[in-house]
PDB file of all heavy atoms in Angstrom:
ATOM      1  N   ALA A   1    -164.943  31.937-138.764  1.00  0.00           N
ATOM      2  CA  ALA A   1    -163.649  32.205-138.129  1.00  0.00           C
ATOM      3  C   ALA A   1    -162.641  32.679-139.163  1.00  0.00           C
ATOM      4  O   ALA A   1    -162.747  32.359-140.353  1.00  0.00           O
ATOM      5  CB  ALA A   1    -163.146  30.942-137.437  1.00  0.00           C
ATOM      6  N   SER A   2    -161.657  33.432-138.708  1.00  0.00           N
ATOM      7  CA  SER A   2    -160.665  34.019-139.612  1.00  0.00           C
ATOM      8  C   SER A   2    -159.320  33.321-139.458  1.00  0.00           C
ATOM      9  O   SER A   2    -158.647  33.498-138.441  1.00  0.00           O
ATOM     10  CB  SER A   2    -160.491  35.511-139.320  1.00  0.00           C
ATOM     11  OG  SER A   2    -161.721  36.196-139.436  1.00  0.00           O
ATOM     12  N   PRO A   3    -158.920  32.525-140.440  1.00  0.00           N
ATOM     13  CA  PRO A   3    -157.610  31.872-140.364  1.00  0.00           C
ATOM     14  C   PRO A   3    -156.491  32.909-140.272  1.00  0.00           C
ATOM     15  O   PRO A   3    -156.570  33.993-140.860  1.00  0.00           O
ATOM     16  CB  PRO A   3    -157.531  31.089-141.683  1.00  0.00           C
ATOM     17  CG  PRO A   3    -158.959  30.896-142.090  1.00  0.00           C
ATOM     18  CD  PRO A   3    -159.670  32.137-141.638  1.00  0.00           C
ATOM     19  N   ASP A   4    -155.465  32.582-139.532  1.00  0.00           N
ATOM     20  CA  ASP A   4    -154.297  33.465-139.361  1.00  0.00           C
ATOM     21  C   ASP A   4    -154.645  34.773-138.668  1.00  0.00           C
ATOM     22  O   ASP A   4    -153.875  35.728-138.721  1.00  0.00           O
ATOM     23  CB  ASP A   4    -153.631  33.759-140.720  1.00  0.00           C
ATOM     24  CG  ASP A   4    -153.213  32.490-141.442  1.00  0.00           C
ATOM     25  OD1 ASP A   4    -152.673  31.595-140.763  1.00  0.00           O
ATOM     26  OD2 ASP A   4    -153.419  32.390-142.658  1.00  0.00           O
ATOM     27  N   ASP A   5    -155.794  34.825-138.025  1.00  0.00           N
ATOM     28  CA  ASP A   5    -156.196  36.018-137.273  1.00  0.00           C
ATOM     29  C   ASP A   5    -156.265  35.620-135.804  1.00  0.00           C
ATOM     30  O   ASP A   5    -157.179  34.912-135.386  1.00  0.00           O
ATOM     31  CB  ASP A   5    -157.559  36.506-137.763  1.00  0.00           C
ATOM     32  CG  ASP A   5    -158.054  37.744-137.019  1.00  0.00           C
ATOM     33  OD1 ASP A   5    -157.442  38.103-135.993  1.00  0.00           O
ATOM     34  OD2 ASP A   5    -159.054  38.340-137.453  1.00  0.00           O
ATOM     35  N   ARG A   6    -155.290  36.066-135.025  1.00  0.00           N
ATOM     36  CA  ARG A   6    -155.211  35.629-133.636  1.00  0.00           C
ATOM     37  C   ARG A   6    -156.409  36.087-132.812  1.00  0.00           C
ATOM     38  O   ARG A   6    -156.784  35.446-131.832  1.00  0.00           O
ATOM     39  CB  ARG A   6    -153.913  36.129-133.007  1.00  0.00           C
ATOM     40  CG  ARG A   6    -153.665  35.561-131.636  1.00  0.00           C
ATOM     41  CD  ARG A   6    -152.207  35.513-131.322  1.00  0.00           C
ATOM     42  NE  ARG A   6    -151.493  34.623-132.206  1.00  0.00           N
ATOM     43  CZ  ARG A   6    -151.469  33.294-132.094  1.00  0.00           C
ATOM     44  NH1 ARG A   6    -152.169  32.717-131.133  1.00  0.00           N
ATOM     45  NH2 ARG A   6    -150.781  32.564-132.919  1.00  0.00           N
ATOM     46  N   ALA A   7    -157.024  37.178-133.188  1.00  0.00           N
ATOM     47  CA  ALA A   7    -158.158  37.690-132.424  1.00  0.00           C
ATOM     48  C   ALA A   7    -159.461  36.977-132.757  1.00  0.00           C
ATOM     49  O   ALA A   7    -160.341  36.850-131.905  1.00  0.00           O
ATOM     50  CB  ALA A   7    -158.310  39.186-132.663  1.00  0.00           C
ATOM     51  N   HIS A   8    -159.610  36.501-133.999  1.00  0.00           N
ATOM     52  CA  HIS A   8    -160.886  35.932-134.430  1.00  0.00           C
ATOM     53  C   HIS A   8    -160.753  34.534-135.025  1.00  0.00           C
ATOM     54  O   HIS A   8    -161.659  34.062-135.707  1.00  0.00           O
ATOM     55  CB  HIS A   8    -161.543  36.863-135.459  1.00  0.00           C
ATOM     56  CG  HIS A   8    -161.780  38.248-134.951  1.00  0.00           C
ATOM     57  ND1 HIS A   8    -160.919  39.294-135.204  1.00  0.00           N
ATOM     58  CD2 HIS A   8    -162.762  38.755-134.173  1.00  0.00           C
ATOM     59  CE1 HIS A   8    -161.372  40.392-134.619  1.00  0.00           C
ATOM     60  NE2 HIS A   8    -162.491  40.088-133.983  1.00  0.00           N
ATOM     61  N   GLY A   9    -159.648  33.882-134.779  1.00  0.00           N
ATOM     62  CA  GLY A   9    -159.455  32.523-135.262  1.00  0.00           C
ATOM     63  C   GLY A   9    -159.905  31.501-134.237  1.00  0.00           C
ATOM     64  O   GLY A   9    -160.284  31.836-133.113  1.00  0.00           O
ATOM     65  N   ILE A  10    -159.866  30.246-134.635  1.00  0.00           N
ATOM     66  CA  ILE A  10    -160.157  29.139-133.729  1.00  0.00           C
ATOM     67  C   ILE A  10    -158.878  28.332-133.556  1.00  0.00           C
ATOM     68  O   ILE A  10    -158.200  27.995-134.532  1.00  0.00           O
ATOM     69  CB  ILE A  10    -161.282  28.248-134.273  1.00  0.00           C
ATOM     70  CG1 ILE A  10    -162.600  29.030-134.312  1.00  0.00           C
ATOM     71  CG2 ILE A  10    -161.451  26.987-133.423  1.00  0.00           C
ATOM     72  CD1 ILE A  10    -163.751  28.266-134.941  1.00  0.00           C
ATOM     73  N   PHE A  11    -158.561  28.028-132.303  1.00  0.00           N
ATOM     74  CA  PHE A  11    -157.322  27.329-131.987  1.00  0.00           C
ATOM     75  C   PHE A  11    -157.622  26.102-131.133  1.00  0.00           C
ATOM     76  O   PHE A  11    -158.599  26.066-130.390  1.00  0.00           O
ATOM     77  CB  PHE A  11    -156.364  28.256-131.239  1.00  0.00           C
ATOM     78  CG  PHE A  11    -155.932  29.452-132.043  1.00  0.00           C
ATOM     79  CD1 PHE A  11    -156.739  30.581-132.121  1.00  0.00           C
ATOM     80  CD2 PHE A  11    -154.739  29.440-132.745  1.00  0.00           C
ATOM     81  CE1 PHE A  11    -156.364  31.679-132.873  1.00  0.00           C
ATOM     82  CE2 PHE A  11    -154.352  30.532-133.501  1.00  0.00           C
ATOM     83  CZ  PHE A  11    -155.162  31.660-133.567  1.00  0.00           C
ATOM     84  N   ALA A  12    -156.764  25.092-131.273  1.00  0.00           N
ATOM     85  CA  ALA A  12    -156.851  23.890-130.447  1.00  0.00           C
ATOM     86  C   ALA A  12    -155.517  23.706-129.734  1.00  0.00           C
ATOM     87  O   ALA A  12    -154.453  24.037-130.280  1.00  0.00           O
ATOM     88  CB  ALA A  12    -157.175  22.670-131.303  1.00  0.00           C
ATOM     89  N   VAL A  13    -155.579  23.177-128.527  1.00  0.00           N
ATOM     90  CA  VAL A  13    -154.392  23.022-127.692  1.00  0.00           C
ATOM     91  C   VAL A  13    -153.595  21.784-128.107  1.00  0.00           C
ATOM     92  O   VAL A  13    -154.157  20.750-128.470  1.00  0.00           O
ATOM     93  CB  VAL A  13    -154.785  22.912-126.207  1.00  0.00           C
ATOM     94  CG1 VAL A  13    -153.599  22.479-125.342  1.00  0.00           C
ATOM     95  CG2 VAL A  13    -155.339  24.239-125.708  1.00  0.00           C
ATOM     96  N   SER A  14    -152.280  21.897-128.043  1.00  0.00           N
ATOM     97  CA  SER A  14    -151.378  20.768-128.226  1.00  0.00           C
ATOM     98  C   SER A  14    -150.401  20.747-127.051  1.00  0.00           C
ATOM     99  O   SER A  14    -149.880  21.798-126.662  1.00  0.00           O
ATOM    100  CB  SER A  14    -150.601  20.896-129.544  1.00  0.00           C
ATOM    101  OG  SER A  14    -149.606  19.892-129.647  1.00  0.00           O
ATOM    102  N   PHE A  15    -150.148  19.569-126.474  1.00  0.00           N
ATOM    103  CA  PHE A  15    -149.184  19.509-125.369  1.00  0.00           C
ATOM    104  C   PHE A  15    -147.765  19.638-125.901  1.00  0.00           C
ATOM    105  O   PHE A  15    -146.945  20.339-125.324  1.00  0.00           O
ATOM    106  CB  PHE A  15    -149.343  18.194-124.591  1.00  0.00           C
ATOM    107  CG  PHE A  15    -148.639  18.216-123.261  1.00  0.00           C
ATOM    108  CD1 PHE A  15    -149.234  18.791-122.150  1.00  0.00           C
ATOM    109  CD2 PHE A  15    -147.370  17.669-123.115  1.00  0.00           C
ATOM    110  CE1 PHE A  15    -148.592  18.834-120.925  1.00  0.00           C
ATOM    111  CE2 PHE A  15    -146.709  17.691-121.899  1.00  0.00           C
ATOM    112  CZ  PHE A  15    -147.320  18.281-120.794  1.00  0.00           C
ATOM    113  N   ARG A  16    -147.482  18.965-127.014  1.00  0.00           N
ATOM    114  CA  ARG A  16    -146.153  19.111-127.618  1.00  0.00           C
ATOM    115  C   ARG A  16    -146.114  20.404-128.413  1.00  0.00           C
ATOM    116  O   ARG A  16    -147.161  20.913-128.873  1.00  0.00           O
ATOM    117  CB  ARG A  16    -145.823  17.916-128.515  1.00  0.00           C
ATOM    118  CG  ARG A  16    -146.672  17.848-129.776  1.00  0.00           C
ATOM    119  CD  ARG A  16    -146.075  16.896-130.805  1.00  0.00           C
ATOM    120  NE  ARG A  16    -146.049  15.528-130.344  1.00  0.00           N
ATOM    121  CZ  ARG A  16    -147.033  14.643-130.508  1.00  0.00           C
ATOM    122  NH1 ARG A  16    -148.168  15.021-131.109  1.00  0.00           N
ATOM    123  NH2 ARG A  16    -146.919  13.414-130.092  1.00  0.00           N
ATOM    124  N   PRO A  17    -144.951  21.013-128.610  1.00  0.00           N
ATOM    125  CA  PRO A  17    -144.849  22.226-129.419  1.00  0.00           C
ATOM    126  C   PRO A  17    -145.442  22.008-130.804  1.00  0.00           C
ATOM    127  O   PRO A  17    -145.251  20.966-131.425  1.00  0.00           O
ATOM    128  CB  PRO A  17    -143.340  22.478-129.485  1.00  0.00           C
ATOM    129  CG  PRO A  17    -142.799  21.830-128.248  1.00  0.00           C
ATOM    130  CD  PRO A  17    -143.645  20.612-128.041  1.00  0.00           C
ATOM    131  N   ALA A  18    -146.193  23.016-131.278  1.00  0.00           N
ATOM    132  CA  ALA A  18    -146.874  22.893-132.566  1.00  0.00           C
ATOM    133  C   ALA A  18    -146.582  24.073-133.480  1.00  0.00           C
ATOM    134  O   ALA A  18    -147.255  24.261-134.489  1.00  0.00           O
ATOM    135  CB  ALA A  18    -148.380  22.754-132.340  1.00  0.00           C
ATOM    136  N   GLY A  19    -145.611  24.899-133.113  1.00  0.00           N
ATOM    137  CA  GLY A  19    -145.265  26.035-133.944  1.00  0.00           C
ATOM    138  C   GLY A  19    -146.110  27.261-133.697  1.00  0.00           C
ATOM    139  O   GLY A  19    -145.948  28.284-134.362  1.00  0.00           O
ATOM    140  N   ASP A  20    -147.040  27.187-132.752  1.00  0.00           N
ATOM    141  CA  ASP A  20    -147.908  28.310-132.441  1.00  0.00           C
ATOM    142  C   ASP A  20    -148.315  28.186-130.972  1.00  0.00           C
ATOM    143  O   ASP A  20    -148.007  27.191-130.316  1.00  0.00           O
ATOM    144  CB  ASP A  20    -149.142  28.302-133.348  1.00  0.00           C
ATOM    145  CG  ASP A  20    -149.782  29.683-133.490  1.00  0.00           C
ATOM    146  OD1 ASP A  20    -149.418  30.596-132.719  1.00  0.00           O
ATOM    147  OD2 ASP A  20    -150.652  29.835-134.367  1.00  0.00           O
ATOM    148  N   TRP A  21    -149.025  29.168-130.465  1.00  0.00           N
ATOM    149  CA  TRP A  21    -149.478  29.124-129.079  1.00  0.00           C
ATOM    150  C   TRP A  21    -150.979  29.348-129.007  1.00  0.00           C
ATOM    151  O   TRP A  21    -151.581  29.917-129.913  1.00  0.00           O
ATOM    152  CB  TRP A  21    -148.738  30.156-128.219  1.00  0.00           C
ATOM    153  CG  TRP A  21    -148.655  31.533-128.813  1.00  0.00           C
ATOM    154  CD1 TRP A  21    -147.707  32.002-129.675  1.00  0.00           C
ATOM    155  CD2 TRP A  21    -149.558  32.632-128.599  1.00  0.00           C
ATOM    156  NE1 TRP A  21    -147.958  33.311-130.010  1.00  0.00           N
ATOM    157  CE2 TRP A  21    -149.079  33.725-129.366  1.00  0.00           C
ATOM    158  CE3 TRP A  21    -150.701  32.797-127.830  1.00  0.00           C
ATOM    159  CZ2 TRP A  21    -149.723  34.960-129.383  1.00  0.00           C
ATOM    160  CZ3 TRP A  21    -151.343  34.028-127.849  1.00  0.00           C
ATOM    161  CH2 TRP A  21    -150.848  35.088-128.623  1.00  0.00           C
ATOM    162  N   PHE A  22    -151.577  28.849-127.932  1.00  0.00           N
ATOM    163  CA  PHE A  22    -153.020  28.959-127.763  1.00  0.00           C
ATOM    164  C   PHE A  22    -153.345  30.270-127.051  1.00  0.00           C
ATOM    165  O   PHE A  22    -152.874  30.507-125.928  1.00  0.00           O
ATOM    166  CB  PHE A  22    -153.548  27.781-126.946  1.00  0.00           C
ATOM    167  CG  PHE A  22    -155.045  27.753-126.822  1.00  0.00           C
ATOM    168  CD1 PHE A  22    -155.824  27.135-127.781  1.00  0.00           C
ATOM    169  CD2 PHE A  22    -155.684  28.376-125.752  1.00  0.00           C
ATOM    170  CE1 PHE A  22    -157.213  27.119-127.679  1.00  0.00           C
ATOM    171  CE2 PHE A  22    -157.066  28.371-125.642  1.00  0.00           C
ATOM    172  CZ  PHE A  22    -157.831  27.741-126.611  1.00  0.00           C
ATOM    173  N   PRO A  23    -154.164  31.145-127.660  1.00  0.00           N
ATOM    174  CA  PRO A  23    -154.492  32.433-127.037  1.00  0.00           C
ATOM    175  C   PRO A  23    -155.528  32.277-125.927  1.00  0.00           C
ATOM    176  O   PRO A  23    -156.667  31.884-126.178  1.00  0.00           O
ATOM    177  CB  PRO A  23    -155.049  33.250-128.207  1.00  0.00           C
ATOM    178  CG  PRO A  23    -155.611  32.227-129.151  1.00  0.00           C
ATOM    179  CD  PRO A  23    -154.765  31.001-129.002  1.00  0.00           C
ATOM    180  N   MET A  24    -155.132  32.576-124.704  1.00  0.00           N
ATOM    181  CA  MET A  24    -156.023  32.460-123.550  1.00  0.00           C
ATOM    182  C   MET A  24    -156.465  33.855-123.123  1.00  0.00           C
ATOM    183  O   MET A  24    -155.647  34.657-122.677  1.00  0.00           O
ATOM    184  CB  MET A  24    -155.308  31.747-122.401  1.00  0.00           C
ATOM    185  CG  MET A  24    -154.880  30.333-122.747  1.00  0.00           C
ATOM    186  SD  MET A  24    -154.020  29.461-121.408  1.00  0.00           S
ATOM    187  CE  MET A  24    -152.463  30.364-121.350  1.00  0.00           C
ATOM    188  N   VAL A  25    -157.737  34.151-123.245  1.00  0.00           N
ATOM    189  CA  VAL A  25    -158.228  35.495-122.944  1.00  0.00           C
ATOM    190  C   VAL A  25    -158.102  35.815-121.459  1.00  0.00           C
ATOM    191  O   VAL A  25    -158.096  36.985-121.073  1.00  0.00           O
ATOM    192  CB  VAL A  25    -159.690  35.675-123.401  1.00  0.00           C
ATOM    193  CG1 VAL A  25    -159.786  35.552-124.918  1.00  0.00           C
ATOM    194  CG2 VAL A  25    -160.610  34.670-122.727  1.00  0.00           C
ATOM    195  N   TRP A  26    -158.020  34.801-120.608  1.00  0.00           N
ATOM    196  CA  TRP A  26    -157.860  35.026-119.172  1.00  0.00           C
ATOM    197  C   TRP A  26    -156.389  35.210-118.786  1.00  0.00           C
ATOM    198  O   TRP A  26    -156.088  35.542-117.641  1.00  0.00           O
ATOM    199  CB  TRP A  26    -158.455  33.857-118.394  1.00  0.00           C
ATOM    200  CG  TRP A  26    -157.840  32.533-118.734  1.00  0.00           C
ATOM    201  CD1 TRP A  26    -156.757  31.952-118.134  1.00  0.00           C
ATOM    202  CD2 TRP A  26    -158.254  31.641-119.764  1.00  0.00           C
ATOM    203  NE1 TRP A  26    -156.463  30.747-118.733  1.00  0.00           N
ATOM    204  CE2 TRP A  26    -157.376  30.530-119.734  1.00  0.00           C
ATOM    205  CE3 TRP A  26    -159.283  31.652-120.703  1.00  0.00           C
ATOM    206  CZ2 TRP A  26    -157.492  29.459-120.612  1.00  0.00           C
ATOM    207  CZ3 TRP A  26    -159.396  30.587-121.581  1.00  0.00           C
ATOM    208  CH2 TRP A  26    -158.518  29.516-121.531  1.00  0.00           C
ATOM    209  N   SER A  27    -155.469  34.988-119.726  1.00  0.00           N
ATOM    210  CA  SER A  27    -154.041  35.163-119.484  1.00  0.00           C
ATOM    211  C   SER A  27    -153.387  35.557-120.803  1.00  0.00           C
ATOM    212  O   SER A  27    -152.655  34.785-121.418  1.00  0.00           O
ATOM    213  CB  SER A  27    -153.426  33.867-118.935  1.00  0.00           C
ATOM    214  OG  SER A  27    -152.069  34.034-118.611  1.00  0.00           O
ATOM    215  N   GLU A  28    -153.677  36.766-121.236  1.00  0.00           N
ATOM    216  CA  GLU A  28    -153.361  37.189-122.596  1.00  0.00           C
ATOM    217  C   GLU A  28    -151.866  37.214-122.911  1.00  0.00           C
ATOM    218  O   GLU A  28    -151.476  37.074-124.068  1.00  0.00           O
ATOM    219  CB  GLU A  28    -153.960  38.578-122.853  1.00  0.00           C
ATOM    220  CG  GLU A  28    -155.487  38.579-122.862  1.00  0.00           C
ATOM    221  CD  GLU A  28    -156.064  39.941-123.156  1.00  0.00           C
ATOM    222  OE1 GLU A  28    -155.287  40.923-123.165  1.00  0.00           O
ATOM    223  OE2 GLU A  28    -157.283  40.044-123.371  1.00  0.00           O
ATOM    224  N   ASP A  29    -151.022  37.390-121.918  1.00  0.00           N
ATOM    225  CA  ASP A  29    -149.580  37.472-122.175  1.00  0.00           C
ATOM    226  C   ASP A  29    -148.892  36.115-122.173  1.00  0.00           C
ATOM    227  O   ASP A  29    -147.709  36.021-122.526  1.00  0.00           O
ATOM    228  CB  ASP A  29    -148.909  38.373-121.128  1.00  0.00           C
ATOM    229  CG  ASP A  29    -149.380  39.820-121.231  1.00  0.00           C
ATOM    230  OD1 ASP A  29    -149.730  40.243-122.349  1.00  0.00           O
ATOM    231  OD2 ASP A  29    -149.401  40.516-120.196  1.00  0.00           O
ATOM    232  N   SER A  30    -149.588  35.073-121.788  1.00  0.00           N
ATOM    233  CA  SER A  30    -148.969  33.756-121.689  1.00  0.00           C
ATOM    234  C   SER A  30    -148.748  33.137-123.069  1.00  0.00           C
ATOM    235  O   SER A  30    -149.604  33.240-123.957  1.00  0.00           O
ATOM    236  CB  SER A  30    -149.843  32.819-120.855  1.00  0.00           C
ATOM    237  OG  SER A  30    -149.306  31.509-120.860  1.00  0.00           O
ATOM    238  N   ARG A  31    -147.607  32.482-123.220  1.00  0.00           N
ATOM    239  CA  ARG A  31    -147.289  31.755-124.449  1.00  0.00           C
ATOM    240  C   ARG A  31    -146.926  30.303-124.131  1.00  0.00           C
ATOM    241  O   ARG A  31    -146.376  29.606-124.970  1.00  0.00           O
ATOM    242  CB  ARG A  31    -146.107  32.429-125.174  1.00  0.00           C
ATOM    243  CG  ARG A  31    -146.335  33.896-125.533  1.00  0.00           C
ATOM    244  CD  ARG A  31    -147.398  34.065-126.585  1.00  0.00           C
ATOM    245  NE  ARG A  31    -147.571  35.445-126.995  1.00  0.00           N
ATOM    246  CZ  ARG A  31    -148.423  36.301-126.439  1.00  0.00           C
ATOM    247  NH1 ARG A  31    -149.189  35.899-125.421  1.00  0.00           N
ATOM    248  NH2 ARG A  31    -148.535  37.547-126.873  1.00  0.00           N
ATOM    249  N   GLU A  32    -147.245  29.840-122.942  1.00  0.00           N
ATOM    250  CA  GLU A  32    -146.786  28.520-122.497  1.00  0.00           C
ATOM    251  C   GLU A  32    -147.655  27.372-122.990  1.00  0.00           C
ATOM    252  O   GLU A  32    -147.218  26.231-122.980  1.00  0.00           O
ATOM    253  CB  GLU A  32    -146.704  28.478-120.970  1.00  0.00           C
ATOM    254  CG  GLU A  32    -145.516  29.255-120.419  1.00  0.00           C
ATOM    255  CD  GLU A  32    -145.005  28.663-119.125  1.00  0.00           C
ATOM    256  OE1 GLU A  32    -145.835  28.150-118.352  1.00  0.00           O
ATOM    257  OE2 GLU A  32    -143.785  28.728-118.899  1.00  0.00           O
ATOM    258  N   VAL A  33    -148.880  27.658-123.417  1.00  0.00           N
ATOM    259  CA  VAL A  33    -149.754  26.593-123.910  1.00  0.00           C
ATOM    260  C   VAL A  33    -149.659  26.562-125.433  1.00  0.00           C
ATOM    261  O   VAL A  33    -149.988  27.538-126.101  1.00  0.00           O
ATOM    262  CB  VAL A  33    -151.211  26.805-123.454  1.00  0.00           C
ATOM    263  CG1 VAL A  33    -152.117  25.725-124.047  1.00  0.00           C
ATOM    264  CG2 VAL A  33    -151.297  26.798-121.931  1.00  0.00           C
ATOM    265  N   HIS A  34    -149.202  25.441-125.960  1.00  0.00           N
ATOM    266  CA  HIS A  34    -149.040  25.316-127.414  1.00  0.00           C
ATOM    267  C   HIS A  34    -150.408  25.169-128.091  1.00  0.00           C
ATOM    268  O   HIS A  34    -151.367  24.670-127.485  1.00  0.00           O
ATOM    269  CB  HIS A  34    -148.173  24.106-127.743  1.00  0.00           C
ATOM    270  CG  HIS A  34    -146.831  24.123-127.080  1.00  0.00           C
ATOM    271  ND1 HIS A  34    -145.901  25.105-127.326  1.00  0.00           N
ATOM    272  CD2 HIS A  34    -146.278  23.291-126.150  1.00  0.00           C
ATOM    273  CE1 HIS A  34    -144.824  24.868-126.594  1.00  0.00           C
ATOM    274  NE2 HIS A  34    -145.022  23.786-125.868  1.00  0.00           N
ATOM    275  N   GLY A  35    -150.484  25.592-129.343  1.00  0.00           N
ATOM    276  CA  GLY A  35    -151.753  25.508-130.052  1.00  0.00           C
ATOM    277  C   GLY A  35    -151.588  25.411-131.549  1.00  0.00           C
ATOM    278  O   GLY A  35    -150.498  25.645-132.092  1.00  0.00           O
ATOM    279  N   VAL A  36    -152.680  25.062-132.212  1.00  0.00           N
ATOM    280  CA  VAL A  36    -152.718  25.010-133.676  1.00  0.00           C
ATOM    281  C   VAL A  36    -153.948  25.783-134.145  1.00  0.00           C
ATOM    282  O   VAL A  36    -155.003  25.748-133.505  1.00  0.00           O
ATOM    283  CB  VAL A  36    -152.771  23.556-134.196  1.00  0.00           C
ATOM    284  CG1 VAL A  36    -151.457  22.852-133.961  1.00  0.00           C
ATOM    285  CG2 VAL A  36    -153.905  22.769-133.543  1.00  0.00           C
ATOM    286  N   ASP A  37    -153.794  26.493-135.251  1.00  0.00           N
ATOM    287  CA  ASP A  37    -154.898  27.242-135.841  1.00  0.00           C
ATOM    288  C   ASP A  37    -155.746  26.280-136.671  1.00  0.00           C
ATOM    289  O   ASP A  37    -155.281  25.725-137.659  1.00  0.00           O
ATOM    290  CB  ASP A  37    -154.334  28.367-136.724  1.00  0.00           C
ATOM    291  CG  ASP A  37    -155.409  29.309-137.253  1.00  0.00           C
ATOM    292  OD1 ASP A  37    -156.582  28.902-137.346  1.00  0.00           O
ATOM    293  OD2 ASP A  37    -155.069  30.463-137.582  1.00  0.00           O
ATOM    294  N   VAL A  38    -156.991  26.076-136.251  1.00  0.00           N
ATOM    295  CA  VAL A  38    -157.880  25.133-136.940  1.00  0.00           C
ATOM    296  C   VAL A  38    -159.058  25.859-137.587  1.00  0.00           C
ATOM    297  O   VAL A  38    -160.080  25.245-137.914  1.00  0.00           O
ATOM    298  CB  VAL A  38    -158.387  24.040-135.964  1.00  0.00           C
ATOM    299  CG1 VAL A  38    -157.240  23.160-135.517  1.00  0.00           C
ATOM    300  CG2 VAL A  38    -159.092  24.654-134.759  1.00  0.00           C
TER     301      VAL A  38
END
Protein backbone atom coordinates (compact mmCIF):
# COMPACT_ATOMS: atom_id res chain seq x y z
CA ALA A 1 0.00 0.00 0.00
CA SER A 2 1.08 3.58 -0.65
CA PRO A 3 0.98 5.92 2.35
CA ASP A 4 -0.45 9.37 1.60
CA ASP A 5 -1.84 8.04 -1.69
CA ARG A 6 -5.61 8.30 -1.64
CA ALA A 7 -6.00 5.96 -4.61
CA HIS A 8 -3.72 3.17 -3.37
CA GLY A 9 -3.56 3.61 0.39
CA ILE A 10 -5.31 1.70 3.15
CA PHE A 11 -7.75 3.56 5.36
CA ALA A 12 -9.73 2.74 8.49
CA VAL A 13 -12.99 4.38 9.54
CA SER A 14 -13.30 6.62 12.60
CA PHE A 15 -16.65 7.87 13.93
CA ARG A 16 -15.08 10.95 15.52
CA PRO A 17 -13.23 13.38 13.22
CA ALA A 18 -9.69 12.15 12.55
CA GLY A 19 -8.31 14.82 10.24
CA ASP A 20 -9.01 12.79 7.11
CA TRP A 21 -11.89 11.05 5.35
CA PHE A 22 -12.51 7.47 4.32
CA PRO A 23 -12.55 7.02 0.50
CA MET A 24 -15.65 5.06 -0.52
CA VAL A 25 -15.47 3.81 -4.11
CA TRP A 26 -19.28 3.45 -4.18
CA SER A 27 -19.69 7.13 -3.20
CA GLU A 28 -16.56 8.85 -4.42
CA ASP A 29 -17.66 12.43 -3.71
CA SER A 30 -18.67 11.81 -0.10
CA ARG A 31 -16.53 13.21 2.71
CA GLU A 32 -18.89 12.41 5.59
CA VAL A 33 -17.16 9.25 6.83
CA HIS A 34 -14.03 10.07 8.81
CA GLY A 35 -10.91 7.97 8.31
CA VAL A 36 -7.25 7.45 9.11
CA ASP A 37 -4.47 6.40 6.75
CA VAL A 38 -3.06 3.12 8.10
